[in-house]
Amino acid sequence: MGSVAAALRDRGCIVTGSDEKVYPPMSDFLRAKGIPLTEPYQAENLPDDAEVVVIGNAIKRGNPEVEAILNRKLYYLSLSEVLKEFFLRGRHNLVVTGTHGKTTTTALLTWMLTVGELEPGYMIGGLPRNLGQGALFNDSKYFVIEGDEYDSAFFDKRSKFIHYLPELLVINNIEFDHADIFDDLAAVKLSFRRLVNIVPQNGMILLNGDDANCVEVARECLAPIVAVGFSENCAERIRDVSSSAKGSRFSLGETTFDSPLFGEFNVRNAAMAAVAARFYGLTPEVIQTALTSFEGIARRQEVRGTERGVTVIDDFGHHPTAIRETLGALRHRYPGQRLWAIFEPRSNTTRRAVFQQQLPEALQLADGVFIAQIAALEQIPPEERLHPEAVVAAIAAAGRMAFYERDAAAIVERIVPLLQPNDVVTIFSNGGFDGIHGKLLDALRG
């Protein structure tokens, strides 16, 4: 939502908006674009002359602005509908989907097309450093967009990506997530089947050939399919993977690529982007230039600072698979160094007991673990909640240091005396986590 707001502002639209608990980097980015942010939600925030009101998918009935919109019979749309109706029709849309890796793969693919001088428009669910913003609406015939499986709005429970008119579709992986939206994995796969079903015959589907769920949802598709992965049955097979402190190396066909990113998931992300870029005519040399110069995305293994020899990293990971893969990647990036994980259960799935067993298995890849109290605890019925104390106990039983603390301040107070030079602390949260990154660096500095 923030990226689209900024892009519309750049095109001369007057944009205002409401939110609650706005936090960096997006809050700083929007203010720099001259977009006023109003907190909290209230009917008075709605301009009398607003032509379109875009309602985010986190907004529910009962919100004072929603009730005012309905009572005043204003014209309202979901963000996905705005994109489809005003920006995506008639374009070559490259839609990147999957439970994990969407943002990184979308940013990589956008950067490859940019380096290849195709001047794509784009919408990315993060802030890519190379591009300086998460969305750009221009007159290019190419548009690269991150396709989210979350619902569109309270009045449209279909996945957002259903609106995105894909010509080229990337499916990185499919796992159960968003327990507040989907009942089970079958429901997630149904949504992906609906997406696959709208790819035209002159389009293309790139899917993870190592993921049985991806293969299953595309089984009856009429569009051409190319499987990308490590197994022998993949038409685009990833081979000869190696890692170093500088990044990763892998081969696709006869071409070897070097990437500054770490971990098996990021190798696959880079391979998916490379295969997609070739579909649009980019040469291996252009793809390699883009990979070499890719600077990453805010909040994806982002180093926030180093104090007293301790490196503090911010990561958006909130699914056990993402946490596991990130910790594995950091082992390659910081070989031989102690690795700490601080996790805030904040997503609608991780606040529930859905991943009660999987979270200890993922987090115990770190040498020490801290878990905070569930965010917005009162929103989840007690019988459905994750039990952080049980997660901590399971990690401790596996021989790792593990602690449960109430909030960011308590975690900082507890962890600082335990830290040693060369330690690496990774903070996993899909929210602001009460500014814990700055608080930890300040405490180390003090």
Protein backbone atom coordinates (compact mmCIF):
# COMPACT_ATOMS: atom_id res chain seq x y z
CA MET A 1 0.00 0.00 0.00
CA GLY A 2 2.76 2.45 0.91
CA SER A 3 4.73 1.77 -2.26
CA VAL A 4 1.68 2.30 -4.48
CA ALA A 5 0.81 5.48 -2.61
CA ALA A 6 4.30 6.84 -3.26
CA ALA A 7 4.22 5.86 -6.91
CA LEU A 8 0.84 7.55 -7.40
CA ARG A 9 2.19 10.66 -5.69
CA ASP A 10 5.10 10.67 -8.15
CA ARG A 11 2.58 10.69 -11.01
CA GLY A 12 0.93 13.82 -9.69
CA CYS A 13 -1.96 12.38 -7.68
CA ILE A 14 -2.89 13.93 -4.36
CA VAL A 15 -2.50 11.12 -1.84
CA THR A 16 -3.37 11.06 1.85
CA GLY A 17 -3.67 8.09 4.15
CA SER A 18 -4.47 6.69 7.56
CA ASP A 19 -2.81 3.91 9.51
CA GLU A 20 -1.90 2.90 13.02
CA LYS A 21 1.49 2.14 14.52
CA VAL A 22 3.38 3.36 11.46
CA TYR A 23 7.07 2.44 11.67
CA PRO A 24 10.28 2.75 9.58
CA PRO A 25 11.42 2.25 6.92
CA MET A 26 8.07 2.79 5.19
CA SER A 27 6.95 5.66 7.43
CA ASP A 28 10.14 7.61 6.70
CA PHE A 29 9.85 6.82 3.01
CA LEU A 30 6.26 8.09 2.74
CA ARG A 31 6.97 11.29 4.64
CA ALA A 32 9.94 11.95 2.35
CA LYS A 33 7.51 11.64 -0.58
CA GLY A 34 5.28 14.32 0.94
CA ILE A 35 2.45 11.97 1.87
CA PRO A 36 0.78 12.93 5.16
CA LEU A 37 0.16 10.02 7.51
CA THR A 38 -2.73 10.34 9.93
CA GLU A 39 -3.10 8.28 13.11
CA PRO A 40 -5.42 6.84 14.31
CA TYR A 41 -8.31 5.95 11.99
CA GLN A 42 -11.20 8.39 12.16
CA ALA A 43 -13.94 9.49 9.76
CA GLU A 44 -12.57 13.05 9.66
CA ASN A 45 -9.45 11.78 7.84
CA LEU A 46 -11.43 11.19 4.62
CA PRO A 47 -11.14 14.19 2.27
CA ASP A 48 -14.47 15.49 1.03
CA ASP A 49 -13.22 15.51 -2.56
CA ALA A 50 -11.58 12.06 -2.63
CA GLU A 51 -12.19 10.41 -6.02
CA VAL A 52 -11.12 6.92 -4.95
CA VAL A 53 -10.69 5.39 -1.50
CA VAL A 54 -8.35 2.40 -1.46
CA ILE A 55 -9.04 0.05 1.43
CA GLY A 56 -6.21 -2.16 2.65
CA ASN A 57 -6.73 -5.84 3.36
CA ALA A 58 -5.97 -5.42 7.08
CA ILE A 59 -9.02 -3.16 7.51
CA LYS A 60 -12.23 -4.67 8.90
CA ARG A 61 -15.84 -3.61 9.36
CA GLY A 62 -16.15 -1.42 12.40
CA ASN A 63 -13.21 0.71 11.38
CA PRO A 64 -14.55 4.29 11.64
CA GLU A 65 -13.31 5.21 8.18
CA VAL A 66 -14.85 2.11 6.58
CA GLU A 67 -18.19 2.87 8.19
CA ALA A 68 -18.02 6.46 6.94
CA ILE A 69 -17.14 5.28 3.43
CA LEU A 70 -20.13 2.95 3.34
CA ASN A 71 -22.52 5.48 4.87
CA ARG A 72 -21.41 8.22 2.45
CA LYS A 73 -21.51 5.81 -0.52
CA LEU A 74 -17.99 6.74 -1.59
CA TYR A 75 -16.23 4.92 -4.43
CA TYR A 76 -13.92 2.33 -2.88
CA LEU A 77 -11.64 -0.38 -4.25
CA SER A 78 -9.12 -2.86 -2.94
CA LEU A 79 -5.48 -2.20 -3.75
CA SER A 80 -5.50 -5.20 -6.09
CA GLU A 81 -8.47 -3.81 -8.02
CA VAL A 82 -6.72 -0.45 -8.39
CA LEU A 83 -3.72 -2.18 -9.90
CA LYS A 84 -5.77 -4.33 -12.27
CA GLU A 85 -8.13 -1.65 -13.53
CA PHE A 86 -5.75 1.29 -13.82
CA PHE A 87 -2.28 -0.15 -14.38
CA LEU A 88 -2.07 -3.81 -15.44
CA ARG A 89 -4.49 -4.17 -18.34
CA GLY A 90 -2.77 -4.56 -21.71
CA ARG A 91 0.72 -5.04 -20.24
CA HIS A 92 3.15 -7.96 -20.11
CA ASN A 93 2.76 -8.74 -16.40
CA LEU A 94 5.42 -10.81 -14.66
CA VAL A 95 3.85 -12.08 -11.42
CA VAL A 96 6.08 -13.65 -8.74
CA THR A 97 4.34 -15.82 -6.12
CA GLY A 98 5.06 -18.38 -3.41
CA THR A 99 5.07 -18.70 0.35
CA HIS A 100 8.72 -17.63 0.54
CA GLY A 101 11.08 -15.57 -1.58
CA LYS A 102 8.51 -13.41 -3.38
CA THR A 103 10.05 -10.07 -2.50
CA THR A 104 13.64 -11.06 -3.24
CA THR A 105 12.77 -12.75 -6.54
CA THR A 106 10.55 -9.85 -7.66
CA ALA A 107 13.27 -7.33 -6.86
CA LEU A 108 15.92 -9.42 -8.64
CA LEU A 109 13.79 -9.83 -11.75
CA THR A 110 12.93 -6.13 -11.82
CA TRP A 111 16.59 -5.21 -11.49
CA MET A 112 17.56 -7.61 -14.29
CA LEU A 113 15.01 -6.06 -16.66
CA THR A 114 16.16 -2.60 -15.58
CA VAL A 115 19.81 -3.41 -16.28
CA GLY A 116 18.65 -4.92 -19.59
CA GLU A 117 17.12 -1.50 -20.44
CA LEU A 118 13.54 -2.78 -20.66
CA GLU A 119 12.51 -0.05 -18.18
CA PRO A 120 9.89 -2.12 -16.34
CA GLY A 121 7.21 -0.81 -14.06
CA TYR A 122 7.00 -2.74 -10.81
CA MET A 123 5.41 -3.25 -7.43
CA ILE A 124 7.44 -4.98 -4.74
CA GLY A 125 6.48 -5.73 -1.13
CA GLY A 126 9.64 -4.17 0.26
CA LEU A 127 12.25 -1.50 -0.42
CA PRO A 128 14.93 -2.71 -2.91
CA ARG A 129 18.07 -0.65 -2.43
CA ASN A 130 18.93 -0.59 -6.15
CA LEU A 131 15.57 0.90 -7.07
CA GLY A 132 15.06 3.26 -4.14
CA GLN A 133 11.34 2.56 -3.88
CA GLY A 134 8.96 -0.37 -3.92
CA ALA A 135 6.78 0.66 -6.84
CA LEU A 136 7.07 2.46 -10.16
CA PHE A 137 4.26 3.09 -12.59
CA ASN A 138 5.56 4.16 -15.98
CA ASP A 139 4.62 3.68 -19.63
CA SER A 140 6.66 0.50 -20.12
CA LYS A 141 4.87 -2.52 -21.55
CA TYR A 142 6.52 -4.66 -18.84
CA PHE A 143 5.30 -4.76 -15.25
CA VAL A 144 6.85 -6.93 -12.54
CA ILE A 145 4.69 -7.50 -9.49
CA GLU A 146 4.89 -9.48 -6.27
CA GLY A 147 1.83 -11.72 -6.14
CA ASP A 148 0.55 -12.17 -2.59
CA GLU A 149 -1.82 -15.03 -1.75
CA TYR A 150 -3.37 -13.07 1.13
CA ASP A 151 -6.94 -11.87 0.64
CA SER A 152 -7.73 -8.63 -1.21
CA ALA A 153 -10.06 -6.87 1.25
CA PHE A 154 -12.83 -7.50 3.75
CA PHE A 155 -15.25 -7.34 0.82
CA ASP A 156 -13.14 -9.59 -1.49
CA LYS A 157 -11.69 -12.71 0.10
CA ARG A 158 -9.91 -13.91 -3.05
CA SER A 159 -6.12 -13.83 -3.08
CA LYS A 160 -4.67 -10.56 -4.30
CA PHE A 161 -2.74 -12.24 -7.11
CA ILE A 162 -5.99 -13.27 -8.83
CA HIS A 163 -6.30 -9.65 -10.01
CA TYR A 164 -2.83 -9.38 -11.55
CA LEU A 165 -3.37 -10.67 -15.14
CA PRO A 166 -0.16 -12.75 -15.35
CA GLU A 167 1.64 -13.35 -18.63
CA LEU A 168 4.65 -14.92 -16.91
CA LEU A 169 3.95 -16.54 -13.55
CA VAL A 170 6.64 -17.63 -11.08
CA ILE A 171 5.66 -20.07 -8.29
CA ASN A 172 8.58 -20.33 -5.85
CA ASN A 173 7.02 -22.74 -3.34
CA ILE A 174 3.72 -23.48 -1.62
CA GLU A 175 3.31 -24.11 2.11
CA PHE A 176 0.59 -23.52 4.66
CA ASP A 177 0.52 -19.97 5.97
CA HIS A 178 -2.02 -17.23 6.77
CA ALA A 179 -4.04 -19.32 9.19
CA ASP A 180 -6.49 -16.44 9.58
CA ILE A 181 -7.38 -16.69 5.87
CA PHE A 182 -6.91 -20.34 4.89
CA ASP A 183 -8.26 -23.33 6.77
CA ASP A 184 -5.55 -25.70 5.56
CA LEU A 185 -2.97 -26.36 2.85
CA ALA A 186 -5.69 -27.57 0.47
CA ALA A 187 -7.28 -24.11 0.59
CA VAL A 188 -3.94 -22.49 -0.22
CA LYS A 189 -3.44 -24.81 -3.19
CA LEU A 190 -6.95 -24.07 -4.46
CA SER A 191 -6.10 -20.37 -4.61
CA PHE A 192 -2.93 -21.13 -6.59
CA ARG A 193 -4.92 -23.37 -8.98
CA ARG A 194 -7.21 -20.45 -9.71
CA LEU A 195 -4.21 -18.29 -10.48
CA VAL A 196 -2.60 -20.88 -12.75
CA ASN A 197 -5.91 -21.17 -14.58
CA ILE A 198 -5.77 -17.56 -15.85
CA VAL A 199 -2.27 -17.68 -17.40
CA PRO A 200 -2.75 -17.42 -21.20
CA GLN A 201 -1.47 -20.05 -23.64
CA ASN A 202 1.05 -17.58 -25.02
CA GLY A 203 2.36 -16.99 -21.50
CA MET A 204 4.66 -19.06 -19.30
CA ILE A 205 4.70 -20.64 -15.83
CA LEU A 206 7.99 -21.13 -14.02
CA LEU A 207 7.57 -23.35 -10.99
CA ASN A 208 9.69 -24.98 -8.35
CA GLY A 209 10.11 -28.50 -9.73
CA ASP A 210 11.34 -29.74 -6.34
CA ASP A 211 8.09 -28.75 -4.60
CA ALA A 212 5.31 -31.33 -4.98
CA ASN A 213 2.67 -28.72 -4.15
CA CYS A 214 3.81 -26.48 -7.01
CA VAL A 215 3.78 -29.38 -9.46
CA GLU A 216 0.32 -30.44 -8.30
CA VAL A 217 -1.42 -27.07 -8.70
CA ALA A 218 -0.15 -26.68 -12.27
CA ARG A 219 -0.97 -30.22 -13.41
CA GLU A 220 -3.96 -29.31 -15.60
CA CYS A 221 -2.71 -25.94 -16.78
CA LEU A 222 -2.95 -25.04 -20.50
CA ALA A 223 -0.03 -22.58 -20.43
CA PRO A 224 3.57 -23.76 -21.06
CA ILE A 225 5.33 -24.87 -17.87
CA VAL A 226 9.06 -24.86 -17.10
CA ALA A 227 10.25 -26.55 -13.91
CA VAL A 228 13.23 -24.92 -12.17
CA GLY A 229 15.09 -26.71 -9.38
CA PHE A 230 17.80 -29.04 -8.20
CA SER A 231 16.26 -32.39 -9.18
CA GLU A 232 16.85 -34.23 -12.43
CA ASN A 233 13.26 -33.82 -13.61
CA CYS A 234 13.64 -30.01 -13.82
CA ALA A 235 14.02 -28.60 -17.33
CA GLU A 236 16.09 -25.75 -15.87
CA ARG A 237 18.29 -27.59 -13.42
CA ILE A 238 20.34 -25.74 -10.78
CA ARG A 239 23.75 -27.40 -10.46
CA ASP A 240 27.19 -26.98 -8.91
CA VAL A 241 26.07 -24.81 -6.00
CA SER A 242 28.81 -23.45 -3.75
CA SER A 243 28.95 -20.80 -1.05
CA SER A 244 31.57 -18.45 0.36
CA ALA A 245 31.66 -15.44 2.62
CA LYS A 246 30.94 -13.32 -0.48
CA GLY A 247 27.78 -15.11 -1.62
CA SER A 248 26.79 -18.06 -3.80
CA ARG A 249 27.68 -19.61 -7.14
CA PHE A 250 25.48 -21.89 -9.25
CA SER A 251 25.05 -23.12 -12.81
CA LEU A 252 22.01 -23.10 -15.09
CA GLY A 253 22.63 -25.09 -18.24
CA GLU A 254 26.05 -24.07 -19.53
CA THR A 255 26.13 -20.77 -17.67
CA THR A 256 27.58 -20.18 -14.20
CA PHE A 257 26.29 -17.26 -12.16
CA ASP A 258 27.67 -15.53 -9.07
CA SER A 259 25.22 -13.99 -6.61
CA PRO A 260 25.86 -11.81 -3.55
CA LEU A 261 22.98 -13.58 -1.77
CA PHE A 262 23.36 -16.47 0.67
CA GLY A 263 21.54 -19.76 1.14
CA GLU A 264 19.77 -22.37 -0.97
CA PHE A 265 16.52 -20.40 -1.07
CA ASN A 266 18.31 -17.37 -2.50
CA VAL A 267 20.06 -19.53 -5.09
CA ARG A 268 16.64 -20.69 -6.24
CA ASN A 269 15.32 -17.11 -6.16
CA ALA A 270 18.19 -15.99 -8.38
CA ALA A 271 17.71 -18.95 -10.73
CA MET A 272 13.98 -18.25 -11.08
CA ALA A 273 14.68 -14.60 -11.88
CA ALA A 274 17.38 -15.55 -14.39
CA VAL A 275 15.12 -18.00 -16.27
CA ALA A 276 12.31 -15.41 -16.35
CA ALA A 277 14.70 -12.72 -17.62
CA ARG A 278 15.90 -15.02 -20.43
CA PHE A 279 12.25 -15.48 -21.48
CA TYR A 280 12.22 -11.74 -22.20
CA GLY A 281 15.45 -11.82 -24.19
CA LEU A 282 18.11 -10.88 -21.65
CA THR A 283 21.56 -12.35 -22.22
CA PRO A 284 23.56 -14.24 -19.56
CA GLU A 285 25.99 -11.30 -19.46
CA VAL A 286 23.22 -8.82 -18.59
CA ILE A 287 21.80 -11.22 -16.00
CA GLN A 288 25.21 -11.62 -14.37
CA THR A 289 25.75 -7.86 -14.31
CA ALA A 290 22.41 -7.44 -12.55
CA LEU A 291 23.17 -10.19 -10.03
CA THR A 292 26.59 -8.77 -9.22
CA SER A 293 25.20 -5.28 -8.64
CA PHE A 294 22.11 -6.34 -6.69
CA GLU A 295 22.16 -4.63 -3.29
CA GLY A 296 19.34 -6.51 -1.57
CA ILE A 297 16.18 -5.42 0.19
CA ALA A 298 15.51 -3.66 3.45
CA ARG A 299 14.75 -6.14 6.24
CA ARG A 300 16.06 -9.20 4.40
CA GLN A 301 19.26 -10.21 6.21
CA GLU A 302 19.93 -6.48 6.58
CA VAL A 303 22.85 -5.50 8.81
CA ARG A 304 21.58 -2.70 11.05
CA GLY A 305 24.90 -2.05 12.72
CA THR A 306 27.89 -3.43 14.64
CA GLU A 307 28.80 -2.43 18.18
CA ARG A 308 31.42 -3.93 20.49
CA GLY A 309 32.08 -6.51 17.78
CA VAL A 310 28.44 -7.70 17.76
CA THR A 311 26.60 -7.58 14.43
CA VAL A 312 22.84 -6.89 14.58
CA ILE A 313 20.75 -8.11 11.63
CA ASP A 314 17.12 -7.38 10.79
CA ASP A 315 15.08 -10.00 8.95
CA PHE A 316 11.41 -10.13 7.97
CA GLY A 317 11.24 -13.92 8.44
CA HIS A 318 8.19 -15.11 10.36
CA HIS A 319 7.49 -18.59 8.94
CA PRO A 320 9.53 -21.55 10.29
CA THR A 321 10.85 -22.37 6.80
CA ALA A 322 12.00 -18.79 6.23
CA ILE A 323 13.64 -18.68 9.67
CA ARG A 324 15.42 -21.98 9.08
CA GLU A 325 16.71 -20.96 5.64
CA THR A 326 17.85 -17.55 6.87
CA LEU A 327 19.78 -19.05 9.78
CA GLY A 328 21.37 -21.54 7.40
CA ALA A 329 22.36 -18.73 5.04
CA LEU A 330 23.87 -16.74 7.90
CA ARG A 331 25.98 -19.75 8.85
CA HIS A 332 27.61 -19.44 5.44
CA ARG A 333 27.90 -15.69 5.71
CA TYR A 334 29.44 -15.72 9.20
CA PRO A 335 31.29 -19.05 9.47
CA GLY A 336 32.49 -20.00 12.94
CA GLN A 337 30.67 -17.14 14.70
CA ARG A 338 28.00 -17.53 17.40
CA LEU A 339 24.54 -16.92 16.02
CA TRP A 340 21.64 -15.62 18.13
CA ALA A 341 18.00 -15.50 17.04
CA ILE A 342 15.40 -13.14 18.54
CA PHE A 343 11.86 -13.91 17.39
CA GLU A 344 8.65 -11.94 17.77
CA PRO A 345 5.49 -14.04 17.13
CA ARG A 346 3.55 -11.37 15.28
CA SER A 347 2.02 -12.74 12.08
CA ASN A 348 -1.53 -14.05 12.12
CA THR A 349 -0.16 -17.58 11.79
CA THR A 350 2.80 -17.56 14.19
CA ARG A 351 0.66 -16.05 16.95
CA ARG A 352 -1.38 -19.24 16.76
CA ALA A 353 -0.28 -22.75 17.71
CA VAL A 354 -0.08 -23.79 14.04
CA PHE A 355 3.73 -23.95 14.10
CA GLN A 356 4.16 -25.03 17.74
CA GLN A 357 6.36 -27.97 16.68
CA GLN A 358 8.07 -26.42 13.64
CA LEU A 359 9.31 -23.24 15.34
CA PRO A 360 11.66 -25.01 17.80
CA GLU A 361 13.11 -27.06 14.94
CA ALA A 362 13.86 -23.90 12.96
CA LEU A 363 15.08 -21.67 15.77
CA GLN A 364 17.40 -24.23 17.34
CA LEU A 365 19.73 -23.77 14.36
CA ALA A 366 20.92 -20.70 16.27
CA ASP A 367 23.30 -20.98 19.23
CA GLY A 368 20.96 -18.96 21.43
CA VAL A 369 17.30 -17.96 21.12
CA PHE A 370 15.03 -15.31 22.61
CA ILE A 371 11.27 -15.29 22.06
CA ALA A 372 9.02 -12.37 22.91
CA GLN A 373 5.44 -12.40 24.07
CA ILE A 374 2.86 -12.84 21.31
CA ALA A 375 2.04 -9.49 19.72
CA ALA A 376 -1.55 -8.26 20.25
CA LEU A 377 -2.15 -11.23 22.55
CA GLU A 378 -5.75 -10.26 23.26
CA GLN A 379 -6.74 -10.79 19.61
CA ILE A 380 -6.12 -14.55 19.72
CA PRO A 381 -8.36 -16.85 21.80
CA PRO A 382 -6.32 -18.57 24.55
CA GLU A 383 -6.98 -22.05 23.18
CA GLU A 384 -5.56 -21.04 19.75
CA ARG A 385 -2.42 -19.23 20.92
CA LEU A 386 1.17 -20.23 20.37
CA HIS A 387 2.90 -21.15 23.65
CA PRO A 388 6.30 -19.39 23.54
CA GLU A 389 7.35 -20.98 26.84
CA ALA A 390 6.92 -24.44 25.30
CA VAL A 391 8.94 -23.38 22.24
CA VAL A 392 11.73 -22.17 24.53
CA ALA A 393 11.62 -25.41 26.54
CA ALA A 394 11.91 -27.53 23.39
CA ILE A 395 14.90 -25.50 22.18
CA ALA A 396 16.59 -25.77 25.58
CA ALA A 397 15.99 -29.53 25.56
CA ALA A 398 17.92 -29.65 22.27
CA GLY A 399 20.94 -28.18 24.05
CA ARG A 400 20.62 -24.53 23.02
CA MET A 401 20.36 -21.45 25.21
CA ALA A 402 16.74 -20.29 25.09
CA PHE A 403 14.84 -17.53 26.88
CA TYR A 404 11.31 -16.17 26.95
CA GLU A 405 11.00 -12.47 27.75
CA ARG A 406 7.99 -10.17 27.78
CA ASP A 407 9.11 -7.44 25.35
CA ALA A 408 11.98 -5.79 23.49
CA ALA A 409 13.32 -3.95 26.54
CA ALA A 410 13.46 -7.13 28.62
CA ILE A 411 15.19 -9.03 25.82
CA VAL A 412 17.83 -6.33 25.40
CA GLU A 413 18.49 -6.25 29.13
CA ARG A 414 18.90 -10.04 29.24
CA ILE A 415 20.94 -10.60 26.08
CA VAL A 416 23.55 -7.83 26.30
CA PRO A 417 25.57 -9.44 29.16
CA LEU A 418 25.62 -12.71 27.19
CA LEU A 419 27.02 -11.27 23.98
CA GLN A 420 30.67 -11.55 22.98
CA PRO A 421 32.72 -9.98 20.17
CA ASN A 422 32.04 -11.65 16.78
CA ASP A 423 28.53 -12.69 17.83
CA VAL A 424 25.74 -12.21 15.29
CA VAL A 425 22.22 -11.35 16.48
CA THR A 426 19.37 -11.82 13.98
CA ILE A 427 16.00 -10.30 14.84
CA PHE A 428 13.01 -11.96 13.16
CA SER A 429 9.81 -9.92 12.99
CA ASN A 430 7.35 -8.74 10.36
CA GLY A 431 6.72 -5.59 12.38
CA GLY A 432 8.62 -2.82 14.15
CA PHE A 433 9.22 -4.91 17.32
CA ASP A 434 9.29 -1.73 19.42
CA GLY A 435 12.54 -0.55 17.84
CA ILE A 436 14.54 -3.43 19.30
CA HIS A 437 17.34 -3.11 16.74
CA GLY A 438 18.21 0.42 17.79
CA LYS A 439 17.72 -0.38 21.48
CA LEU A 440 20.14 -3.31 21.25
CA LEU A 441 22.78 -1.29 19.41
CA ASP A 442 22.40 1.57 21.90
CA ALA A 443 22.79 -0.81 24.83
CA LEU A 444 25.91 -2.36 23.31
CA ARG A 445 27.31 1.08 22.60
CA GLY A 446 26.66 2.11 26.20
